[in-house]
Amino acid sequence: ALGFAAYFGGFAAFLLVAALGAVGFAAGWLLRGDVDLGELLSGRDRRR
């Protein structure tokens, strides 16, 4: 997908696809429950 975006849309399209992919990756982590958003924003680590 990144290769097609870079080839057909140029570097700006490549960056847009990469950024949206990163947002989707983070949303997937949140929806799956791997990351606790409250803990992440508070800066506390409950493993200590």
ModelCIF file with pLDDT and N, C-alpha, C, O atoms, coordinates in Angstrom:
data_MODEL
#
_entry.id   MODEL 
#
_entity.id                         1 
_entity.type                       polymer 
_entity.pdbx_number_of_molecules   1 
#
_entity_poly.entity_id                      1 
_entity_poly.type                           'polypeptide(L)' 
_entity_poly.nstd_linkage                   no 
_entity_poly.nstd_monomer                   no 
_entity_poly.pdbx_seq_one_letter_code       ALGFAAYFGGFAAFLLVAALGAVGFAAGWLLRGDVDLGELLSGRDRRR 
_entity_poly.pdbx_seq_one_letter_code_can   ALGFAAYFGGFAAFLLVAALGAVGFAAGWLLRGDVDLGELLSGRDRRR 
_entity_poly.pdbx_strand_id                 A 
#
loop_
_entity_poly_seq.entity_id 
_entity_poly_seq.num 
_entity_poly_seq.mon_id 
_entity_poly_seq.hetero 
1 1  ALA n 
1 2  LEU n 
1 3  GLY n 
1 4  PHE n 
1 5  ALA n 
1 6  ALA n 
1 7  TYR n 
1 8  PHE n 
1 9  GLY n 
1 10 GLY n 
1 11 PHE n 
1 12 ALA n 
1 13 ALA n 
1 14 PHE n 
1 15 LEU n 
1 16 LEU n 
1 17 VAL n 
1 18 ALA n 
1 19 ALA n 
1 20 LEU n 
1 21 GLY n 
1 22 ALA n 
1 23 VAL n 
1 24 GLY n 
1 25 PHE n 
1 26 ALA n 
1 27 ALA n 
1 28 GLY n 
1 29 TRP n 
1 30 LEU n 
1 31 LEU n 
1 32 ARG n 
1 33 GLY n 
1 34 ASP n 
1 35 VAL n 
1 36 ASP n 
1 37 LEU n 
1 38 GLY n 
1 39 GLU n 
1 40 LEU n 
1 41 LEU n 
1 42 SER n 
1 43 GLY n 
1 44 ARG n 
1 45 ASP n 
1 46 ARG n 
1 47 ARG n 
1 48 ARG n 
#
_struct_asym.id          A 
_struct_asym.entity_id   1 
#
loop_
_ma_qa_metric.id 
_ma_qa_metric.mode 
_ma_qa_metric.name 
_ma_qa_metric.software_group_id 
_ma_qa_metric.type 
1 global pLDDT . pLDDT 
2 local  pLDDT . pLDDT 
#
_ma_qa_metric_global.metric_id      1 
_ma_qa_metric_global.metric_value   81.02 
_ma_qa_metric_global.model_id       1 
_ma_qa_metric_global.ordinal_id     1 
#
loop_
_ma_qa_metric_local.label_asym_id 
_ma_qa_metric_local.label_comp_id 
_ma_qa_metric_local.label_seq_id 
_ma_qa_metric_local.metric_id 
_ma_qa_metric_local.metric_value 
_ma_qa_metric_local.model_id 
_ma_qa_metric_local.ordinal_id 
A ALA 1  2 90.00 1 1  
A LEU 2  2 89.00 1 2  
A GLY 3  2 90.00 1 3  
A PHE 4  2 89.00 1 4  
A ALA 5  2 89.00 1 5  
A ALA 6  2 89.00 1 6  
A TYR 7  2 90.00 1 7  
A PHE 8  2 92.00 1 8  
A GLY 9  2 93.00 1 9  
A GLY 10 2 92.00 1 10 
A PHE 11 2 91.00 1 11 
A ALA 12 2 91.00 1 12 
A ALA 13 2 89.00 1 13 
A PHE 14 2 89.00 1 14 
A LEU 15 2 90.00 1 15 
A LEU 16 2 90.00 1 16 
A VAL 17 2 88.00 1 17 
A ALA 18 2 88.00 1 18 
A ALA 19 2 89.00 1 19 
A LEU 20 2 86.00 1 20 
A GLY 21 2 83.00 1 21 
A ALA 22 2 85.00 1 22 
A VAL 23 2 84.00 1 23 
A GLY 24 2 79.00 1 24 
A PHE 25 2 81.00 1 25 
A ALA 26 2 80.00 1 26 
A ALA 27 2 80.00 1 27 
A GLY 28 2 79.00 1 28 
A TRP 29 2 77.00 1 29 
A LEU 30 2 78.00 1 30 
A LEU 31 2 78.00 1 31 
A ARG 32 2 80.00 1 32 
A GLY 33 2 77.00 1 33 
A ASP 34 2 75.00 1 34 
A VAL 35 2 74.00 1 35 
A ASP 36 2 76.00 1 36 
A LEU 37 2 75.00 1 37 
A GLY 38 2 78.00 1 38 
A GLU 39 2 77.00 1 39 
A LEU 40 2 72.00 1 40 
A LEU 41 2 78.00 1 41 
A SER 42 2 81.00 1 42 
A GLY 43 2 71.00 1 43 
A ARG 44 2 64.00 1 44 
A ASP 45 2 61.00 1 45 
A ARG 46 2 59.00 1 46 
A ARG 47 2 59.00 1 47 
A ARG 48 2 54.00 1 48 
#
loop_
_atom_site.group_PDB 
_atom_site.id 
_atom_site.type_symbol 
_atom_site.label_atom_id 
_atom_site.label_alt_id 
_atom_site.label_comp_id 
_atom_site.label_asym_id 
_atom_site.label_entity_id 
_atom_site.label_seq_id 
_atom_site.pdbx_PDB_ins_code 
_atom_site.Cartn_x 
_atom_site.Cartn_y 
_atom_site.Cartn_z 
_atom_site.occupancy 
_atom_site.B_iso_or_equiv 
_atom_site.pdbx_formal_charge 
_atom_site.auth_seq_id 
_atom_site.auth_comp_id 
_atom_site.auth_asym_id 
_atom_site.auth_atom_id 
_atom_site.pdbx_PDB_model_num 
ATOM 1   N N  . ALA A 1 1  ? 0.832   -1.204 0.000  1.00 90.00 ? 1  ALA A N  1 
ATOM 2   C CA . ALA A 1 1  ? 0.000   0.000  0.000  1.00 90.00 ? 1  ALA A CA 1 
ATOM 3   C C  . ALA A 1 1  ? 0.865   1.251  0.000  1.00 90.00 ? 1  ALA A C  1 
ATOM 4   O O  . ALA A 1 1  ? 0.583   2.205  -0.726 1.00 90.00 ? 1  ALA A O  1 
ATOM 5   N N  . LEU A 1 2  ? 1.918   1.252  0.812  1.00 89.00 ? 2  LEU A N  1 
ATOM 6   C CA . LEU A 1 2  ? 2.832   2.400  0.835  1.00 89.00 ? 2  LEU A CA 1 
ATOM 7   C C  . LEU A 1 2  ? 3.556   2.558  -0.498 1.00 89.00 ? 2  LEU A C  1 
ATOM 8   O O  . LEU A 1 2  ? 3.764   3.677  -0.967 1.00 89.00 ? 2  LEU A O  1 
ATOM 9   N N  . GLY A 1 3  ? 3.934   1.450  -1.100 1.00 90.00 ? 3  GLY A N  1 
ATOM 10  C CA . GLY A 1 3  ? 4.603   1.504  -2.400 1.00 90.00 ? 3  GLY A CA 1 
ATOM 11  C C  . GLY A 1 3  ? 3.702   2.076  -3.485 1.00 90.00 ? 3  GLY A C  1 
ATOM 12  O O  . GLY A 1 3  ? 4.133   2.911  -4.280 1.00 90.00 ? 3  GLY A O  1 
ATOM 13  N N  . PHE A 1 4  ? 2.445   1.624  -3.519 1.00 89.00 ? 4  PHE A N  1 
ATOM 14  C CA . PHE A 1 4  ? 1.504   2.167  -4.493 1.00 89.00 ? 4  PHE A CA 1 
ATOM 15  C C  . PHE A 1 4  ? 1.264   3.652  -4.263 1.00 89.00 ? 4  PHE A C  1 
ATOM 16  O O  . PHE A 1 4  ? 1.203   4.428  -5.217 1.00 89.00 ? 4  PHE A O  1 
ATOM 17  N N  . ALA A 1 5  ? 1.127   4.050  -3.005 1.00 89.00 ? 5  ALA A N  1 
ATOM 18  C CA . ALA A 1 5  ? 0.903   5.464  -2.700 1.00 89.00 ? 5  ALA A CA 1 
ATOM 19  C C  . ALA A 1 5  ? 2.091   6.301  -3.149 1.00 89.00 ? 5  ALA A C  1 
ATOM 20  O O  . ALA A 1 5  ? 1.914   7.383  -3.708 1.00 89.00 ? 5  ALA A O  1 
ATOM 21  N N  . ALA A 1 6  ? 3.292   5.810  -2.909 1.00 89.00 ? 6  ALA A N  1 
ATOM 22  C CA . ALA A 1 6  ? 4.485   6.561  -3.308 1.00 89.00 ? 6  ALA A CA 1 
ATOM 23  C C  . ALA A 1 6  ? 4.611   6.636  -4.828 1.00 89.00 ? 6  ALA A C  1 
ATOM 24  O O  . ALA A 1 6  ? 4.986   7.673  -5.375 1.00 89.00 ? 6  ALA A O  1 
ATOM 25  N N  . TYR A 1 7  ? 4.296   5.533  -5.505 1.00 90.00 ? 7  TYR A N  1 
ATOM 26  C CA . TYR A 1 7  ? 4.459   5.502  -6.960 1.00 90.00 ? 7  TYR A CA 1 
ATOM 27  C C  . TYR A 1 7  ? 3.425   6.373  -7.664 1.00 90.00 ? 7  TYR A C  1 
ATOM 28  O O  . TYR A 1 7  ? 3.764   7.149  -8.557 1.00 90.00 ? 7  TYR A O  1 
ATOM 29  N N  . PHE A 1 8  ? 2.170   6.243  -7.262 1.00 92.00 ? 8  PHE A N  1 
ATOM 30  C CA . PHE A 1 8  ? 1.106   6.944  -7.962 1.00 92.00 ? 8  PHE A CA 1 
ATOM 31  C C  . PHE A 1 8  ? 0.806   8.335  -7.406 1.00 92.00 ? 8  PHE A C  1 
ATOM 32  O O  . PHE A 1 8  ? 0.313   9.193  -8.137 1.00 92.00 ? 8  PHE A O  1 
ATOM 33  N N  . GLY A 1 9  ? 1.094   8.569  -6.134 1.00 93.00 ? 9  GLY A N  1 
ATOM 34  C CA . GLY A 1 9  ? 0.716   9.843  -5.535 1.00 93.00 ? 9  GLY A CA 1 
ATOM 35  C C  . GLY A 1 9  ? 1.871   10.721 -5.130 1.00 93.00 ? 9  GLY A C  1 
ATOM 36  O O  . GLY A 1 9  ? 1.667   11.883 -4.778 1.00 93.00 ? 9  GLY A O  1 
ATOM 37  N N  . GLY A 1 10 ? 3.068   10.203 -5.170 1.00 92.00 ? 10 GLY A N  1 
ATOM 38  C CA . GLY A 1 10 ? 4.219   10.988 -4.767 1.00 92.00 ? 10 GLY A CA 1 
ATOM 39  C C  . GLY A 1 10 ? 4.510   10.863 -3.279 1.00 92.00 ? 10 GLY A C  1 
ATOM 40  O O  . GLY A 1 10 ? 3.887   10.078 -2.564 1.00 92.00 ? 10 GLY A O  1 
ATOM 41  N N  . PHE A 1 11 ? 5.465   11.654 -2.843 1.00 91.00 ? 11 PHE A N  1 
ATOM 42  C CA . PHE A 1 11 ? 5.935   11.547 -1.460 1.00 91.00 ? 11 PHE A CA 1 
ATOM 43  C C  . PHE A 1 11 ? 4.884   11.985 -0.451 1.00 91.00 ? 11 PHE A C  1 
ATOM 44  O O  . PHE A 1 11 ? 4.801   11.414 0.637  1.00 91.00 ? 11 PHE A O  1 
ATOM 45  N N  . ALA A 1 12 ? 4.082   12.989 -0.789 1.00 91.00 ? 12 ALA A N  1 
ATOM 46  C CA . ALA A 1 12 ? 3.035   13.456 0.133  1.00 91.00 ? 12 ALA A CA 1 
ATOM 47  C C  . ALA A 1 12 ? 2.001   12.358 0.375  1.00 91.00 ? 12 ALA A C  1 
ATOM 48  O O  . ALA A 1 12 ? 1.554   12.168 1.506  1.00 91.00 ? 12 ALA A O  1 
ATOM 49  N N  . ALA A 1 13 ? 1.623   11.645 -0.666 1.00 89.00 ? 13 ALA A N  1 
ATOM 50  C CA . ALA A 1 13 ? 0.672   10.542 -0.511 1.00 89.00 ? 13 ALA A CA 1 
ATOM 51  C C  . ALA A 1 13 ? 1.290   9.421  0.323  1.00 89.00 ? 13 ALA A C  1 
ATOM 52  O O  . ALA A 1 13 ? 0.606   8.800  1.136  1.00 89.00 ? 13 ALA A O  1 
ATOM 53  N N  . PHE A 1 14 ? 2.573   9.166  0.124  1.00 89.00 ? 14 PHE A N  1 
ATOM 54  C CA . PHE A 1 14 ? 3.275   8.161  0.921  1.00 89.00 ? 14 PHE A CA 1 
ATOM 55  C C  . PHE A 1 14 ? 3.217   8.520  2.396  1.00 89.00 ? 14 PHE A C  1 
ATOM 56  O O  . PHE A 1 14 ? 2.922   7.664  3.231  1.00 89.00 ? 14 PHE A O  1 
ATOM 57  N N  . LEU A 1 15 ? 3.498   9.782  2.729  1.00 90.00 ? 15 LEU A N  1 
ATOM 58  C CA . LEU A 1 15 ? 3.454   10.210 4.128  1.00 90.00 ? 15 LEU A CA 1 
ATOM 59  C C  . LEU A 1 15 ? 2.054   10.126 4.705  1.00 90.00 ? 15 LEU A C  1 
ATOM 60  O O  . LEU A 1 15 ? 1.882   9.734  5.859  1.00 90.00 ? 15 LEU A O  1 
ATOM 61  N N  . LEU A 1 16 ? 1.043   10.491 3.911  1.00 90.00 ? 16 LEU A N  1 
ATOM 62  C CA . LEU A 1 16 ? -0.339  10.418 4.375  1.00 90.00 ? 16 LEU A CA 1 
ATOM 63  C C  . LEU A 1 16 ? -0.741  8.976  4.664  1.00 90.00 ? 16 LEU A C  1 
ATOM 64  O O  . LEU A 1 16 ? -1.348  8.705  5.700  1.00 90.00 ? 16 LEU A O  1 
ATOM 65  N N  . VAL A 1 17 ? -0.420  8.065  3.784  1.00 88.00 ? 17 VAL A N  1 
ATOM 66  C CA . VAL A 1 17 ? -0.754  6.652  3.992  1.00 88.00 ? 17 VAL A CA 1 
ATOM 67  C C  . VAL A 1 17 ? 0.002   6.102  5.194  1.00 88.00 ? 17 VAL A C  1 
ATOM 68  O O  . VAL A 1 17 ? -0.563  5.339  5.978  1.00 88.00 ? 17 VAL A O  1 
ATOM 69  N N  . ALA A 1 18 ? 1.262   6.472  5.353  1.00 88.00 ? 18 ALA A N  1 
ATOM 70  C CA . ALA A 1 18 ? 2.042   6.001  6.500  1.00 88.00 ? 18 ALA A CA 1 
ATOM 71  C C  . ALA A 1 18 ? 1.468   6.537  7.811  1.00 88.00 ? 18 ALA A C  1 
ATOM 72  O O  . ALA A 1 18 ? 1.383   5.797  8.791  1.00 88.00 ? 18 ALA A O  1 
ATOM 73  N N  . ALA A 1 19 ? 1.077   7.804  7.842  1.00 89.00 ? 19 ALA A N  1 
ATOM 74  C CA . ALA A 1 19 ? 0.511   8.400  9.059  1.00 89.00 ? 19 ALA A CA 1 
ATOM 75  C C  . ALA A 1 19 ? -0.829  7.755  9.405  1.00 89.00 ? 19 ALA A C  1 
ATOM 76  O O  . ALA A 1 19 ? -1.077  7.436  10.568 1.00 89.00 ? 19 ALA A O  1 
ATOM 77  N N  . LEU A 1 20 ? -1.688  7.561  8.417  1.00 86.00 ? 20 LEU A N  1 
ATOM 78  C CA . LEU A 1 20 ? -2.976  6.932  8.676  1.00 86.00 ? 20 LEU A CA 1 
ATOM 79  C C  . LEU A 1 20 ? -2.806  5.466  9.081  1.00 86.00 ? 20 LEU A C  1 
ATOM 80  O O  . LEU A 1 20 ? -3.591  4.942  9.871  1.00 86.00 ? 20 LEU A O  1 
ATOM 81  N N  . GLY A 1 21 ? -1.794  4.817  8.546  1.00 83.00 ? 21 GLY A N  1 
ATOM 82  C CA . GLY A 1 21 ? -1.501  3.454  8.978  1.00 83.00 ? 21 GLY A CA 1 
ATOM 83  C C  . GLY A 1 21 ? -1.072  3.396  10.432 1.00 83.00 ? 21 GLY A C  1 
ATOM 84  O O  . GLY A 1 21 ? -1.453  2.476  11.157 1.00 83.00 ? 21 GLY A O  1 
ATOM 85  N N  . ALA A 1 22 ? -0.286  4.365  10.863 1.00 85.00 ? 22 ALA A N  1 
ATOM 86  C CA . ALA A 1 22 ? 0.139   4.423  12.264 1.00 85.00 ? 22 ALA A CA 1 
ATOM 87  C C  . ALA A 1 22 ? -1.047  4.688  13.186 1.00 85.00 ? 22 ALA A C  1 
ATOM 88  O O  . ALA A 1 22 ? -1.133  4.109  14.269 1.00 85.00 ? 22 ALA A O  1 
ATOM 89  N N  . VAL A 1 23 ? -1.958  5.560  12.763 1.00 84.00 ? 23 VAL A N  1 
ATOM 90  C CA . VAL A 1 23 ? -3.163  5.820  13.552 1.00 84.00 ? 23 VAL A CA 1 
ATOM 91  C C  . VAL A 1 23 ? -4.013  4.558  13.653 1.00 84.00 ? 23 VAL A C  1 
ATOM 92  O O  . VAL A 1 23 ? -4.522  4.237  14.727 1.00 84.00 ? 23 VAL A O  1 
ATOM 93  N N  . GLY A 1 24 ? -4.166  3.854  12.563 1.00 79.00 ? 24 GLY A N  1 
ATOM 94  C CA . GLY A 1 24 ? -4.919  2.603  12.575 1.00 79.00 ? 24 GLY A CA 1 
ATOM 95  C C  . GLY A 1 24 ? -4.264  1.544  13.440 1.00 79.00 ? 24 GLY A C  1 
ATOM 96  O O  . GLY A 1 24 ? -4.954  0.788  14.124 1.00 79.00 ? 24 GLY A O  1 
ATOM 97  N N  . PHE A 1 25 ? -2.953  1.480  13.419 1.00 81.00 ? 25 PHE A N  1 
ATOM 98  C CA . PHE A 1 25 ? -2.220  0.538  14.256 1.00 81.00 ? 25 PHE A CA 1 
ATOM 99  C C  . PHE A 1 25 ? -2.452  0.830  15.731 1.00 81.00 ? 25 PHE A C  1 
ATOM 100 O O  . PHE A 1 25 ? -2.687  -0.082 16.524 1.00 81.00 ? 25 PHE A O  1 
ATOM 101 N N  . ALA A 1 26 ? -2.384  2.107  16.094 1.00 80.00 ? 26 ALA A N  1 
ATOM 102 C CA . ALA A 1 26 ? -2.623  2.501  17.491 1.00 80.00 ? 26 ALA A CA 1 
ATOM 103 C C  . ALA A 1 26 ? -4.070  2.219  17.900 1.00 80.00 ? 26 ALA A C  1 
ATOM 104 O O  . ALA A 1 26 ? -4.321  1.767  19.017 1.00 80.00 ? 26 ALA A O  1 
ATOM 105 N N  . ALA A 1 27 ? -5.014  2.482  17.006 1.00 80.00 ? 27 ALA A N  1 
ATOM 106 C CA . ALA A 1 27 ? -6.420  2.202  17.307 1.00 80.00 ? 27 ALA A CA 1 
ATOM 107 C C  . ALA A 1 27 ? -6.632  0.698  17.496 1.00 80.00 ? 27 ALA A C  1 
ATOM 108 O O  . ALA A 1 27 ? -7.418  0.288  18.351 1.00 80.00 ? 27 ALA A O  1 
ATOM 109 N N  . GLY A 1 28 ? -5.954  -0.109 16.723 1.00 79.00 ? 28 GLY A N  1 
ATOM 110 C CA . GLY A 1 28 ? -6.047  -1.556 16.880 1.00 79.00 ? 28 GLY A CA 1 
ATOM 111 C C  . GLY A 1 28 ? -5.535  -2.004 18.232 1.00 79.00 ? 28 GLY A C  1 
ATOM 112 O O  . GLY A 1 28 ? -6.132  -2.880 18.858 1.00 79.00 ? 28 GLY A O  1 
ATOM 113 N N  . TRP A 1 29 ? -4.440  -1.420 18.694 1.00 77.00 ? 29 TRP A N  1 
ATOM 114 C CA . TRP A 1 29 ? -3.924  -1.737 20.027 1.00 77.00 ? 29 TRP A CA 1 
ATOM 115 C C  . TRP A 1 29 ? -4.939  -1.388 21.099 1.00 77.00 ? 29 TRP A C  1 
ATOM 116 O O  . TRP A 1 29 ? -5.174  -2.162 22.027 1.00 77.00 ? 29 TRP A O  1 
ATOM 117 N N  . LEU A 1 30 ? -5.541  -0.207 20.961 1.00 78.00 ? 30 LEU A N  1 
ATOM 118 C CA . LEU A 1 30 ? -6.520  0.234  21.961 1.00 78.00 ? 30 LEU A CA 1 
ATOM 119 C C  . LEU A 1 30 ? -7.756  -0.664 21.953 1.00 78.00 ? 30 LEU A C  1 
ATOM 120 O O  . LEU A 1 30 ? -8.252  -1.043 23.014 1.00 78.00 ? 30 LEU A O  1 
ATOM 121 N N  . LEU A 1 31 ? -8.250  -1.001 20.782 1.00 78.00 ? 31 LEU A N  1 
ATOM 122 C CA . LEU A 1 31 ? -9.455  -1.829 20.698 1.00 78.00 ? 31 LEU A CA 1 
ATOM 123 C C  . LEU A 1 31 ? -9.217  -3.255 21.174 1.00 78.00 ? 31 LEU A C  1 
ATOM 124 O O  . LEU A 1 31 ? -10.115 -3.884 21.734 1.00 78.00 ? 31 LEU A O  1 
ATOM 125 N N  . ARG A 1 32 ? -8.025  -3.759 20.955 1.00 80.00 ? 32 ARG A N  1 
ATOM 126 C CA . ARG A 1 32 ? -7.707  -5.125 21.395 1.00 80.00 ? 32 ARG A CA 1 
ATOM 127 C C  . ARG A 1 32 ? -7.442  -5.183 22.885 1.00 80.00 ? 32 ARG A C  1 
ATOM 128 O O  . ARG A 1 32 ? -7.503  -6.259 23.480 1.00 80.00 ? 32 ARG A O  1 
ATOM 129 N N  . GLY A 1 33 ? -7.149  -4.054 23.498 1.00 77.00 ? 33 GLY A N  1 
ATOM 130 C CA . GLY A 1 33 ? -6.925  -4.007 24.936 1.00 77.00 ? 33 GLY A CA 1 
ATOM 131 C C  . GLY A 1 33 ? -5.482  -4.167 25.354 1.00 77.00 ? 33 GLY A C  1 
ATOM 132 O O  . GLY A 1 33 ? -5.209  -4.410 26.529 1.00 77.00 ? 33 GLY A O  1 
ATOM 133 N N  . ASP A 1 34 ? -4.549  -4.038 24.425 1.00 75.00 ? 34 ASP A N  1 
ATOM 134 C CA . ASP A 1 34 ? -3.132  -4.169 24.758 1.00 75.00 ? 34 ASP A CA 1 
ATOM 135 C C  . ASP A 1 34 ? -2.603  -2.933 25.476 1.00 75.00 ? 34 ASP A C  1 
ATOM 136 O O  . ASP A 1 34 ? -1.605  -3.012 26.193 1.00 75.00 ? 34 ASP A O  1 
ATOM 137 N N  . VAL A 1 35 ? -3.257  -1.802 25.290 1.00 74.00 ? 35 VAL A N  1 
ATOM 138 C CA . VAL A 1 35 ? -2.802  -0.548 25.870 1.00 74.00 ? 35 VAL A CA 1 
ATOM 139 C C  . VAL A 1 35 ? -3.953  0.061  26.670 1.00 74.00 ? 35 VAL A C  1 
ATOM 140 O O  . VAL A 1 35 ? -5.078  0.158  26.180 1.00 74.00 ? 35 VAL A O  1 
ATOM 141 N N  . ASP A 1 36 ? -3.659  0.469  27.901 1.00 76.00 ? 36 ASP A N  1 
ATOM 142 C CA . ASP A 1 36 ? -4.643  1.167  28.727 1.00 76.00 ? 36 ASP A CA 1 
ATOM 143 C C  . ASP A 1 36 ? -4.421  2.659  28.541 1.00 76.00 ? 36 ASP A C  1 
ATOM 144 O O  . ASP A 1 36 ? -3.400  3.198  28.970 1.00 76.00 ? 36 ASP A O  1 
ATOM 145 N N  . LEU A 1 37 ? -5.378  3.329  27.899 1.00 75.00 ? 37 LEU A N  1 
ATOM 146 C CA . LEU A 1 37 ? -5.211  4.736  27.553 1.00 75.00 ? 37 LEU A CA 1 
ATOM 147 C C  . LEU A 1 37 ? -5.073  5.614  28.794 1.00 75.00 ? 37 LEU A C  1 
ATOM 148 O O  . LEU A 1 37 ? -4.287  6.561  28.790 1.00 75.00 ? 37 LEU A O  1 
ATOM 149 N N  . GLY A 1 38 ? -5.822  5.317  29.855 1.00 78.00 ? 38 GLY A N  1 
ATOM 150 C CA . GLY A 1 38 ? -5.718  6.102  31.081 1.00 78.00 ? 38 GLY A CA 1 
ATOM 151 C C  . GLY A 1 38 ? -4.343  5.998  31.714 1.00 78.00 ? 38 GLY A C  1 
ATOM 152 O O  . GLY A 1 38 ? -3.782  6.986  32.187 1.00 78.00 ? 38 GLY A O  1 
ATOM 153 N N  . GLU A 1 39 ? -3.812  4.787  31.715 1.00 77.00 ? 39 GLU A N  1 
ATOM 154 C CA . GLU A 1 39 ? -2.471  4.583  32.265 1.00 77.00 ? 39 GLU A CA 1 
ATOM 155 C C  . GLU A 1 39 ? -1.416  5.258  31.397 1.00 77.00 ? 39 GLU A C  1 
ATOM 156 O O  . GLU A 1 39 ? -0.442  5.811  31.907 1.00 77.00 ? 39 GLU A O  1 
ATOM 157 N N  . LEU A 1 40 ? -1.616  5.209  30.105 1.00 72.00 ? 40 LEU A N  1 
ATOM 158 C CA . LEU A 1 40 ? -0.666  5.811  29.184 1.00 72.00 ? 40 LEU A CA 1 
ATOM 159 C C  . LEU A 1 40 ? -0.629  7.323  29.346 1.00 72.00 ? 40 LEU A C  1 
ATOM 160 O O  . LEU A 1 40 ? 0.445   7.924  29.338 1.00 72.00 ? 40 LEU A O  1 
ATOM 161 N N  . LEU A 1 41 ? -1.802  7.941  29.495 1.00 78.00 ? 41 LEU A N  1 
ATOM 162 C CA . LEU A 1 41 ? -1.855  9.401  29.622 1.00 78.00 ? 41 LEU A CA 1 
ATOM 163 C C  . LEU A 1 41 ? -1.414  9.891  30.997 1.00 78.00 ? 41 LEU A C  1 
ATOM 164 O O  . LEU A 1 41 ? -0.898  11.002 31.119 1.00 78.00 ? 41 LEU A O  1 
ATOM 165 N N  . SER A 1 42 ? -1.610  9.073  32.039 1.00 81.00 ? 42 SER A N  1 
ATOM 166 C CA . SER A 1 42 ? -1.212  9.500  33.378 1.00 81.00 ? 42 SER A CA 1 
ATOM 167 C C  . SER A 1 42 ? 0.285   9.361  33.609 1.00 81.00 ? 42 SER A C  1 
ATOM 168 O O  . SER A 1 42 ? 0.845   10.013 34.490 1.00 81.00 ? 42 SER A O  1 
ATOM 169 N N  . GLY A 1 43 ? 0.934   8.509  32.813 1.00 71.00 ? 43 GLY A N  1 
ATOM 170 C CA . GLY A 1 43 ? 2.368   8.336  32.952 1.00 71.00 ? 43 GLY A CA 1 
ATOM 171 C C  . GLY A 1 43 ? 2.763   7.372  34.045 1.00 71.00 ? 43 GLY A C  1 
ATOM 172 O O  . GLY A 1 43 ? 3.953   7.205  34.313 1.00 71.00 ? 43 GLY A O  1 
ATOM 173 N N  . ARG A 1 44 ? 1.800   6.733  34.684 1.00 64.00 ? 44 ARG A N  1 
ATOM 174 C CA . ARG A 1 44 ? 2.118   5.773  35.751 1.00 64.00 ? 44 ARG A CA 1 
ATOM 175 C C  . ARG A 1 44 ? 2.280   4.383  35.158 1.00 64.00 ? 44 ARG A C  1 
ATOM 176 O O  . ARG A 1 44 ? 1.640   4.036  34.165 1.00 64.00 ? 44 ARG A O  1 
ATOM 177 N N  . ASP A 1 45 ? 3.124   3.614  35.766 1.00 61.00 ? 45 ASP A N  1 
ATOM 178 C CA . ASP A 1 45 ? 3.350   2.237  35.362 1.00 61.00 ? 45 ASP A CA 1 
ATOM 179 C C  . ASP A 1 45 ? 2.907   1.339  36.494 1.00 61.00 ? 45 ASP A C  1 
ATOM 180 O O  . ASP A 1 45 ? 3.511   1.369  37.566 1.00 61.00 ? 45 ASP A O  1 
ATOM 181 N N  . ARG A 1 46 ? 1.877   0.545  36.294 1.00 59.00 ? 46 ARG A N  1 
ATOM 182 C CA . ARG A 1 46 ? 1.344   -0.276 37.362 1.00 59.00 ? 46 ARG A CA 1 
ATOM 183 C C  . ARG A 1 46 ? 2.159   -1.540 37.604 1.00 59.00 ? 46 ARG A C  1 
ATOM 184 O O  . ARG A 1 46 ? 1.877   -2.286 38.541 1.00 59.00 ? 46 ARG A O  1 
ATOM 185 N N  . ARG A 1 47 ? 3.171   -1.792 36.767 1.00 59.00 ? 47 ARG A N  1 
ATOM 186 C CA . ARG A 1 47 ? 4.000   -2.986 36.960 1.00 59.00 ? 47 ARG A CA 1 
ATOM 187 C C  . ARG A 1 47 ? 5.033   -2.809 38.068 1.00 59.00 ? 47 ARG A C  1 
ATOM 188 O O  . ARG A 1 47 ? 5.675   -3.780 38.468 1.00 59.00 ? 47 ARG A O  1 
ATOM 189 N N  . ARG A 1 48 ? 5.200   -1.618 38.559 1.00 54.00 ? 48 ARG A N  1 
ATOM 190 C CA . ARG A 1 48 ? 6.208   -1.383 39.587 1.00 54.00 ? 48 ARG A CA 1 
ATOM 191 C C  . ARG A 1 48 ? 5.689   -1.830 40.922 1.00 54.00 ? 48 ARG A C  1 
ATOM 192 O O  . ARG A 1 48 ? 6.391   -1.717 41.927 1.00 54.00 ? 48 ARG A O  1 
#
